[in-house]
Amino acid sequence: MAVKHRCKVCGYIYEDDPKNAGFPFEAQDDSYLCVVCGAPKSEFEEIRTRD
């Protein structure tokens, strides 16, 4: 299972891959903002997928 993070405001899925500069979500600074809606990191929830 893959662990991803979903913005609870707009539904954007943060994936730990090259489009996010390869940074794991947890490594993002607390000032990280959703690239779609600008919500803060605290508005993301962990989800598990069967990728």
C-alpha atoms as a PDB file:
ATOM      1  CA  MET A   1       0.000   0.000   0.000  1.00  0.00           C
ATOM      2  CA  ALA A   2       1.137   3.484  -0.808  1.00  0.00           C
ATOM      3  CA  VAL A   3       0.725   6.306   1.669  1.00  0.00           C
ATOM      4  CA  LYS A   4      -0.441   9.605   0.220  1.00  0.00           C
ATOM      5  CA  HIS A   5      -1.846  12.801   1.671  1.00  0.00           C
ATOM      6  CA  ARG A   6      -5.137  14.420   0.622  1.00  0.00           C
ATOM      7  CA  CYS A   7      -6.088  18.046   1.101  1.00  0.00           C
ATOM      8  CA  LYS A   8      -9.337  18.071   3.082  1.00  0.00           C
ATOM      9  CA  VAL A   9     -10.311  21.377   1.465  1.00  0.00           C
ATOM     10  CA  CYS A  10     -10.017  20.627  -2.272  1.00  0.00           C
ATOM     11  CA  GLY A  11      -9.118  16.929  -2.553  1.00  0.00           C
ATOM     12  CA  TYR A  12      -5.638  17.409  -4.043  1.00  0.00           C
ATOM     13  CA  ILE A  13      -3.496  14.281  -3.564  1.00  0.00           C
ATOM     14  CA  TYR A  14       0.130  14.851  -2.554  1.00  0.00           C
ATOM     15  CA  GLU A  15       2.296  11.981  -3.774  1.00  0.00           C
ATOM     16  CA  ASP A  16       5.944  11.459  -2.849  1.00  0.00           C
ATOM     17  CA  ASP A  17       7.242  11.574  -6.400  1.00  0.00           C
ATOM     18  CA  PRO A  18       9.309  13.781  -8.731  1.00  0.00           C
ATOM     19  CA  LYS A  19       6.447  16.222  -9.397  1.00  0.00           C
ATOM     20  CA  ASN A  20       6.778  17.206  -5.721  1.00  0.00           C
ATOM     21  CA  ALA A  21      10.565  17.497  -6.004  1.00  0.00           C
ATOM     22  CA  GLY A  22      10.790  14.008  -4.485  1.00  0.00           C
ATOM     23  CA  PHE A  23      10.044  15.283  -0.986  1.00  0.00           C
ATOM     24  CA  PRO A  24       8.043  13.053   1.340  1.00  0.00           C
ATOM     25  CA  PHE A  25       5.056  14.960   2.730  1.00  0.00           C
ATOM     26  CA  GLU A  26       6.412  14.744   6.278  1.00  0.00           C
ATOM     27  CA  ALA A  27       9.630  16.452   5.129  1.00  0.00           C
ATOM     28  CA  GLN A  28       7.727  19.478   3.881  1.00  0.00           C
ATOM     29  CA  ASP A  29       8.059  22.525   6.113  1.00  0.00           C
ATOM     30  CA  ASP A  30       5.063  23.500   8.269  1.00  0.00           C
ATOM     31  CA  SER A  31       4.630  26.484   5.952  1.00  0.00           C
ATOM     32  CA  TYR A  32       3.762  24.131   3.035  1.00  0.00           C
ATOM     33  CA  LEU A  33       0.562  25.155   1.251  1.00  0.00           C
ATOM     34  CA  CYS A  34      -1.642  23.100  -1.046  1.00  0.00           C
ATOM     35  CA  VAL A  35      -0.633  23.843  -4.631  1.00  0.00           C
ATOM     36  CA  VAL A  36      -4.287  23.914  -5.728  1.00  0.00           C
ATOM     37  CA  CYS A  37      -6.184  25.850  -3.050  1.00  0.00           C
ATOM     38  CA  GLY A  38      -3.522  27.239  -0.699  1.00  0.00           C
ATOM     39  CA  ALA A  39      -4.694  25.311   2.376  1.00  0.00           C
ATOM     40  CA  PRO A  40      -2.019  24.803   5.072  1.00  0.00           C
ATOM     41  CA  LYS A  41      -0.249  21.495   5.692  1.00  0.00           C
ATOM     42  CA  SER A  42      -2.473  20.926   8.738  1.00  0.00           C
ATOM     43  CA  GLU A  43      -5.477  20.484   6.396  1.00  0.00           C
ATOM     44  CA  PHE A  44      -4.023  17.316   4.843  1.00  0.00           C
ATOM     45  CA  GLU A  45      -4.935  13.793   5.923  1.00  0.00           C
ATOM     46  CA  GLU A  46      -3.033  10.562   5.353  1.00  0.00           C
ATOM     47  CA  ILE A  47      -4.662   8.060   3.032  1.00  0.00           C
ATOM     48  CA  ARG A  48      -3.565   4.592   1.983  1.00  0.00           C
ATOM     49  CA  THR A  49      -4.008   3.348  -1.560  1.00  0.00           C
ATOM     50  CA  ARG A  50      -3.434   0.021  -3.300  1.00  0.00           C
ATOM     51  CA  ASP A  51      -0.978   1.382  -5.864  1.00  0.00           C
END
